Amino acid sequence: MTELDFVNHVGLVATFGTELEQPLIAAGRYIACGGGRKRPRAEVAFAVLEEHQGKGIGSLLLKHLAKIGRAQGICEFQADVLADNRQMIAVLERSGFPIERSTEFGVDRVLLKIGDESS
């Protein structure tokens, strides 16, 4: 989590308030994982404290990670989500990105098309 290069390994955090020493309420990150030359892919993950879930924080982190990822040539985000984690699946489905989903052994693999090979 501390070895970020903002190319292949990106991490963002969210705090509540404007003071310098605020507790973290959420984190999001991606790590490039291949996907081939035509469609570079990164695995994306989020954690939001329970009392702050449902407020759009995960969606905001996803939006910013996608912007950074596209600038670095990432075309797809991959997320493996427990099939019963409806809140996280809803965040990904409402992202506005084209989505593909498959389920195996109680885990949904979600692919978000955040860019294309020409961008």
N, C-alpha and C. Protein backbone atom coordinates (compact mmCIF):
# COMPACT_ATOMS: atom_id res chain seq x y z
N MET A 1 0.81 -1.20 0.00
CA MET A 1 0.00 0.00 0.00
C MET A 1 0.85 1.26 0.00
N THR A 2 2.09 1.14 0.42
CA THR A 2 2.93 2.34 0.52
C THR A 2 3.88 2.50 -0.66
N GLU A 3 3.95 1.54 -1.55
CA GLU A 3 4.87 1.62 -2.69
C GLU A 3 4.13 1.98 -3.96
N LEU A 4 3.57 3.16 -4.00
CA LEU A 4 2.79 3.65 -5.13
C LEU A 4 3.71 4.33 -6.13
N ASP A 5 3.44 4.11 -7.42
CA ASP A 5 4.20 4.82 -8.44
C ASP A 5 3.30 5.69 -9.33
N PHE A 6 2.00 5.64 -9.13
CA PHE A 6 1.00 6.38 -9.89
C PHE A 6 1.09 6.13 -11.39
N VAL A 7 1.60 4.96 -11.75
CA VAL A 7 1.57 4.44 -13.11
C VAL A 7 0.94 3.06 -13.06
N ASN A 8 1.63 2.12 -12.46
CA ASN A 8 1.14 0.74 -12.35
C ASN A 8 0.48 0.44 -11.01
N HIS A 9 0.74 1.25 -10.03
CA HIS A 9 0.19 1.03 -8.68
C HIS A 9 -0.25 2.38 -8.12
N VAL A 10 -1.56 2.56 -8.06
CA VAL A 10 -2.13 3.84 -7.65
C VAL A 10 -3.02 3.62 -6.44
N GLY A 11 -2.93 4.50 -5.47
CA GLY A 11 -3.80 4.43 -4.30
C GLY A 11 -4.28 5.81 -3.91
N LEU A 12 -5.56 5.90 -3.58
CA LEU A 12 -6.17 7.15 -3.14
C LEU A 12 -6.87 6.90 -1.81
N VAL A 13 -6.94 7.91 -0.99
CA VAL A 13 -7.68 7.81 0.27
C VAL A 13 -8.67 8.96 0.36
N ALA A 14 -9.68 8.76 1.20
CA ALA A 14 -10.66 9.81 1.47
C ALA A 14 -10.67 10.06 2.97
N THR A 15 -10.78 11.33 3.32
CA THR A 15 -10.90 11.73 4.72
C THR A 15 -12.18 12.54 4.87
N PHE A 16 -12.56 12.79 6.09
CA PHE A 16 -13.75 13.58 6.37
C PHE A 16 -13.31 14.85 7.07
N GLY A 17 -13.56 15.99 6.46
CA GLY A 17 -13.17 17.25 7.06
C GLY A 17 -12.00 17.87 6.34
N THR A 18 -11.58 19.02 6.82
CA THR A 18 -10.51 19.76 6.15
C THR A 18 -9.25 19.90 6.98
N GLU A 19 -9.29 19.44 8.22
CA GLU A 19 -8.11 19.53 9.07
C GLU A 19 -7.02 18.58 8.56
N LEU A 20 -5.77 18.91 8.83
CA LEU A 20 -4.66 18.09 8.35
C LEU A 20 -4.68 16.67 8.91
N GLU A 21 -5.02 16.49 10.14
CA GLU A 21 -4.96 15.19 10.80
C GLU A 21 -6.35 14.56 10.90
N GLN A 22 -6.93 14.20 9.78
CA GLN A 22 -8.25 13.56 9.73
C GLN A 22 -8.09 12.05 9.59
N PRO A 23 -8.96 11.29 10.21
CA PRO A 23 -8.90 9.84 10.02
C PRO A 23 -9.33 9.45 8.61
N LEU A 24 -8.75 8.38 8.10
CA LEU A 24 -9.14 7.88 6.79
C LEU A 24 -10.51 7.22 6.89
N ILE A 25 -11.37 7.49 5.91
CA ILE A 25 -12.68 6.84 5.89
C ILE A 25 -12.83 5.89 4.72
N ALA A 26 -11.92 5.99 3.74
CA ALA A 26 -12.01 5.11 2.57
C ALA A 26 -10.66 5.08 1.85
N ALA A 27 -10.46 4.00 1.12
CA ALA A 27 -9.27 3.86 0.28
C ALA A 27 -9.66 3.13 -0.99
N GLY A 28 -9.01 3.47 -2.07
CA GLY A 28 -9.20 2.79 -3.35
C GLY A 28 -7.85 2.68 -4.01
N ARG A 29 -7.68 1.61 -4.78
CA ARG A 29 -6.39 1.44 -5.45
C ARG A 29 -6.55 0.59 -6.68
N TYR A 30 -5.58 0.72 -7.57
CA TYR A 30 -5.47 -0.24 -8.66
C TYR A 30 -4.02 -0.66 -8.80
N ILE A 31 -3.86 -1.89 -9.28
CA ILE A 31 -2.54 -2.43 -9.59
C ILE A 31 -2.62 -3.04 -10.98
N ALA A 32 -1.77 -2.59 -11.88
CA ALA A 32 -1.75 -3.12 -13.24
C ALA A 32 -1.47 -4.62 -13.19
N CYS A 33 -2.22 -5.38 -13.97
CA CYS A 33 -2.08 -6.84 -13.92
C CYS A 33 -2.01 -7.46 -15.31
N GLY A 34 -1.74 -6.68 -16.32
CA GLY A 34 -1.59 -7.24 -17.65
C GLY A 34 -2.83 -7.04 -18.48
N GLY A 35 -3.32 -8.14 -19.06
CA GLY A 35 -4.48 -8.05 -19.93
C GLY A 35 -4.09 -8.02 -21.40
N GLY A 36 -2.81 -7.98 -21.69
CA GLY A 36 -2.36 -7.95 -23.08
C GLY A 36 -2.05 -6.54 -23.54
N ARG A 37 -1.35 -6.45 -24.64
CA ARG A 37 -0.93 -5.14 -25.16
C ARG A 37 -2.11 -4.30 -25.62
N LYS A 38 -3.14 -4.94 -26.19
CA LYS A 38 -4.26 -4.17 -26.73
C LYS A 38 -5.18 -3.64 -25.64
N ARG A 39 -5.34 -4.35 -24.56
CA ARG A 39 -6.26 -3.93 -23.51
C ARG A 39 -5.59 -4.04 -22.15
N PRO A 40 -4.69 -3.14 -21.86
CA PRO A 40 -4.05 -3.18 -20.54
C PRO A 40 -5.10 -3.14 -19.42
N ARG A 41 -4.91 -3.97 -18.42
CA ARG A 41 -5.89 -4.15 -17.35
C ARG A 41 -5.24 -3.91 -16.00
N ALA A 42 -6.05 -3.44 -15.05
CA ALA A 42 -5.62 -3.28 -13.67
C ALA A 42 -6.69 -3.84 -12.75
N GLU A 43 -6.26 -4.42 -11.66
CA GLU A 43 -7.20 -4.88 -10.64
C GLU A 43 -7.49 -3.70 -9.73
N VAL A 44 -8.78 -3.49 -9.45
CA VAL A 44 -9.20 -2.35 -8.65
C VAL A 44 -9.91 -2.86 -7.39
N ALA A 45 -9.72 -2.14 -6.28
CA ALA A 45 -10.35 -2.54 -5.02
C ALA A 45 -10.62 -1.29 -4.18
N PHE A 46 -11.62 -1.41 -3.30
CA PHE A 46 -12.03 -0.30 -2.44
C PHE A 46 -12.32 -0.81 -1.05
N ALA A 47 -12.20 0.09 -0.08
CA ALA A 47 -12.66 -0.17 1.28
C ALA A 47 -13.21 1.15 1.81
N VAL A 48 -14.44 1.11 2.31
CA VAL A 48 -15.08 2.29 2.87
C VAL A 48 -15.60 1.90 4.25
N LEU A 49 -15.28 2.71 5.26
CA LEU A 49 -15.79 2.42 6.59
C LEU A 49 -17.32 2.30 6.54
N GLU A 50 -17.84 1.36 7.30
CA GLU A 50 -19.27 1.04 7.25
C GLU A 50 -20.15 2.27 7.43
N GLU A 51 -19.80 3.13 8.37
CA GLU A 51 -20.67 4.29 8.64
C GLU A 51 -20.65 5.33 7.52
N HIS A 52 -19.75 5.18 6.55
CA HIS A 52 -19.67 6.11 5.42
C HIS A 52 -20.08 5.46 4.10
N GLN A 53 -20.52 4.21 4.14
CA GLN A 53 -20.96 3.53 2.92
C GLN A 53 -22.29 4.11 2.46
N GLY A 54 -22.53 4.02 1.16
CA GLY A 54 -23.78 4.50 0.59
C GLY A 54 -23.83 6.00 0.38
N LYS A 55 -22.70 6.67 0.49
CA LYS A 55 -22.65 8.13 0.34
C LYS A 55 -21.93 8.56 -0.94
N GLY A 56 -21.56 7.60 -1.80
CA GLY A 56 -20.91 7.94 -3.06
C GLY A 56 -19.40 8.02 -2.99
N ILE A 57 -18.82 7.67 -1.86
CA ILE A 57 -17.36 7.78 -1.72
C ILE A 57 -16.65 6.76 -2.62
N GLY A 58 -17.14 5.52 -2.63
CA GLY A 58 -16.55 4.50 -3.51
C GLY A 58 -16.65 4.90 -4.97
N SER A 59 -17.79 5.45 -5.36
CA SER A 59 -17.99 5.90 -6.75
C SER A 59 -17.02 7.02 -7.11
N LEU A 60 -16.81 7.94 -6.17
CA LEU A 60 -15.88 9.04 -6.41
C LEU A 60 -14.44 8.53 -6.55
N LEU A 61 -14.05 7.60 -5.68
CA LEU A 61 -12.72 7.01 -5.80
C LEU A 61 -12.55 6.30 -7.14
N LEU A 62 -13.58 5.55 -7.56
CA LEU A 62 -13.53 4.85 -8.85
C LEU A 62 -13.35 5.84 -9.99
N LYS A 63 -14.10 6.93 -9.96
CA LYS A 63 -14.00 7.95 -11.01
C LYS A 63 -12.58 8.49 -11.12
N HIS A 64 -11.98 8.81 -9.97
CA HIS A 64 -10.63 9.37 -9.99
C HIS A 64 -9.58 8.32 -10.39
N LEU A 65 -9.75 7.09 -9.92
CA LEU A 65 -8.82 6.02 -10.33
C LEU A 65 -8.91 5.79 -11.83
N ALA A 66 -10.11 5.82 -12.39
CA ALA A 66 -10.27 5.62 -13.84
C ALA A 66 -9.59 6.75 -14.62
N LYS A 67 -9.72 7.96 -14.14
CA LYS A 67 -9.06 9.09 -14.83
C LYS A 67 -7.55 8.91 -14.83
N ILE A 68 -7.00 8.54 -13.69
CA ILE A 68 -5.55 8.30 -13.60
C ILE A 68 -5.17 7.11 -14.48
N GLY A 69 -5.95 6.04 -14.40
CA GLY A 69 -5.67 4.83 -15.19
C GLY A 69 -5.67 5.10 -16.68
N ARG A 70 -6.68 5.80 -17.16
CA ARG A 70 -6.72 6.12 -18.60
C ARG A 70 -5.49 6.90 -19.02
N ALA A 71 -5.06 7.84 -18.18
CA ALA A 71 -3.87 8.64 -18.51
C ALA A 71 -2.62 7.76 -18.58
N GLN A 72 -2.65 6.61 -17.90
CA GLN A 72 -1.51 5.69 -17.91
C GLN A 72 -1.69 4.54 -18.91
N GLY A 73 -2.75 4.61 -19.72
CA GLY A 73 -2.96 3.60 -20.76
C GLY A 73 -3.76 2.38 -20.32
N ILE A 74 -4.34 2.42 -19.12
CA ILE A 74 -5.18 1.30 -18.66
C ILE A 74 -6.52 1.38 -19.39
N CYS A 75 -6.97 0.26 -19.93
CA CYS A 75 -8.24 0.22 -20.66
C CYS A 75 -9.36 -0.46 -19.87
N GLU A 76 -8.99 -1.36 -18.95
CA GLU A 76 -9.99 -2.11 -18.19
C GLU A 76 -9.61 -2.17 -16.72
N PHE A 77 -10.63 -2.13 -15.88
CA PHE A 77 -10.48 -2.45 -14.47
C PHE A 77 -11.15 -3.79 -14.24
N GLN A 78 -10.51 -4.62 -13.45
CA GLN A 78 -11.05 -5.91 -13.04
C GLN A 78 -11.26 -5.87 -11.54
N ALA A 79 -12.43 -6.35 -11.10
CA ALA A 79 -12.71 -6.44 -9.67
C ALA A 79 -13.32 -7.80 -9.39
N ASP A 80 -12.80 -8.49 -8.41
CA ASP A 80 -13.39 -9.75 -7.94
C ASP A 80 -14.13 -9.43 -6.65
N VAL A 81 -15.45 -9.63 -6.69
CA VAL A 81 -16.33 -9.21 -5.60
C VAL A 81 -17.16 -10.40 -5.15
N LEU A 82 -17.27 -10.62 -3.84
CA LEU A 82 -18.17 -11.66 -3.37
C LEU A 82 -19.56 -11.39 -3.93
N ALA A 83 -20.20 -12.42 -4.46
CA ALA A 83 -21.48 -12.26 -5.15
C ALA A 83 -22.56 -11.66 -4.25
N ASP A 84 -22.46 -11.82 -2.94
CA ASP A 84 -23.46 -11.24 -2.05
C ASP A 84 -23.12 -9.82 -1.58
N ASN A 85 -22.04 -9.24 -2.09
CA ASN A 85 -21.67 -7.87 -1.75
C ASN A 85 -22.40 -6.93 -2.72
N ARG A 86 -23.69 -6.80 -2.52
CA ARG A 86 -24.55 -6.03 -3.42
C ARG A 86 -24.15 -4.55 -3.51
N GLN A 87 -23.68 -3.98 -2.41
CA GLN A 87 -23.30 -2.56 -2.44
C GLN A 87 -22.13 -2.32 -3.39
N MET A 88 -21.11 -3.17 -3.33
CA MET A 88 -19.95 -2.97 -4.21
C MET A 88 -20.32 -3.24 -5.66
N ILE A 89 -21.11 -4.26 -5.89
CA ILE A 89 -21.54 -4.56 -7.26
C ILE A 89 -22.36 -3.39 -7.81
N ALA A 90 -23.21 -2.79 -6.97
CA ALA A 90 -24.00 -1.64 -7.41
C ALA A 90 -23.11 -0.46 -7.76
N VAL A 91 -22.06 -0.22 -6.98
CA VAL A 91 -21.12 0.87 -7.30
C VAL A 91 -20.53 0.65 -8.69
N LEU A 92 -20.11 -0.56 -8.97
CA LEU A 92 -19.50 -0.86 -10.27
C LEU A 92 -20.52 -0.76 -11.40
N GLU A 93 -21.73 -1.27 -11.16
CA GLU A 93 -22.77 -1.22 -12.20
C GLU A 93 -23.21 0.21 -12.50
N ARG A 94 -23.23 1.08 -11.50
CA ARG A 94 -23.67 2.46 -11.70
C ARG A 94 -22.53 3.39 -12.13
N SER A 95 -21.37 2.83 -12.40
CA SER A 95 -20.19 3.65 -12.72
C SER A 95 -20.32 4.39 -14.04
N GLY A 96 -21.18 3.92 -14.93
CA GLY A 96 -21.29 4.53 -16.25
C GLY A 96 -20.36 3.90 -17.27
N PHE A 97 -19.48 3.01 -16.83
CA PHE A 97 -18.58 2.32 -17.74
C PHE A 97 -19.24 1.06 -18.27
N PRO A 98 -18.96 0.69 -19.52
CA PRO A 98 -19.44 -0.62 -20.00
C PRO A 98 -18.89 -1.72 -19.09
N ILE A 99 -19.72 -2.72 -18.82
CA ILE A 99 -19.39 -3.71 -17.81
C ILE A 99 -19.65 -5.12 -18.35
N GLU A 100 -18.81 -6.04 -17.92
CA GLU A 100 -19.01 -7.48 -18.15
C GLU A 100 -18.92 -8.15 -16.79
N ARG A 101 -19.80 -9.13 -16.56
CA ARG A 101 -19.80 -9.85 -15.28
C ARG A 101 -19.89 -11.33 -15.52
N SER A 102 -19.16 -12.07 -14.70
CA SER A 102 -19.28 -13.52 -14.67
C SER A 102 -19.16 -13.95 -13.21
N THR A 103 -19.80 -15.07 -12.89
CA THR A 103 -19.79 -15.55 -11.51
C THR A 103 -19.27 -16.97 -11.48
N GLU A 104 -18.38 -17.23 -10.54
CA GLU A 104 -17.85 -18.57 -10.33
C GLU A 104 -17.55 -18.76 -8.85
N PHE A 105 -18.08 -19.82 -8.28
CA PHE A 105 -17.83 -20.17 -6.88
C PHE A 105 -18.17 -19.02 -5.92
N GLY A 106 -19.25 -18.30 -6.20
CA GLY A 106 -19.70 -17.24 -5.31
C GLY A 106 -18.93 -15.94 -5.42
N VAL A 107 -18.11 -15.79 -6.46
CA VAL A 107 -17.35 -14.57 -6.69
C VAL A 107 -17.70 -14.02 -8.06
N ASP A 108 -18.08 -12.75 -8.09
CA ASP A 108 -18.33 -12.08 -9.38
C ASP A 108 -17.03 -11.46 -9.86
N ARG A 109 -16.67 -11.75 -11.10
CA ARG A 109 -15.56 -11.05 -11.75
C ARG A 109 -16.20 -9.98 -12.61
N VAL A 110 -15.87 -8.75 -12.31
CA VAL A 110 -16.44 -7.61 -13.01
C VAL A 110 -15.34 -6.93 -13.81
N LEU A 111 -15.58 -6.73 -15.11
CA LEU A 111 -14.65 -5.98 -15.96
C LEU A 111 -15.32 -4.68 -16.36
N LEU A 112 -14.65 -3.58 -16.09
CA LEU A 112 -15.13 -2.26 -16.49
C LEU A 112 -14.25 -1.76 -17.62
N LYS A 113 -14.85 -1.38 -18.71
CA LYS A 113 -14.11 -0.81 -19.84
C LYS A 113 -13.98 0.69 -19.59
N ILE A 114 -12.82 1.12 -19.10
CA ILE A 114 -12.64 2.53 -18.73
C ILE A 114 -12.02 3.34 -19.85
N GLY A 115 -11.53 2.70 -20.89
CA GLY A 115 -10.91 3.40 -22.02
C GLY A 115 -10.74 2.42 -23.16
N ASP A 116 -10.18 2.88 -24.25
CA ASP A 116 -9.91 1.95 -25.33
C ASP A 116 -8.45 2.05 -25.73
N GLU A 117 -8.05 1.12 -26.59
CA GLU A 117 -6.63 1.05 -26.94
C GLU A 117 -6.13 2.27 -27.69
N SER A 118 -7.04 3.09 -28.22
CA SER A 118 -6.61 4.29 -28.95
C SER A 118 -6.50 5.51 -28.05
N SER A 119 -7.01 5.41 -26.79
CA SER A 119 -6.96 6.59 -25.91
C SER A 119 -5.71 6.63 -25.07
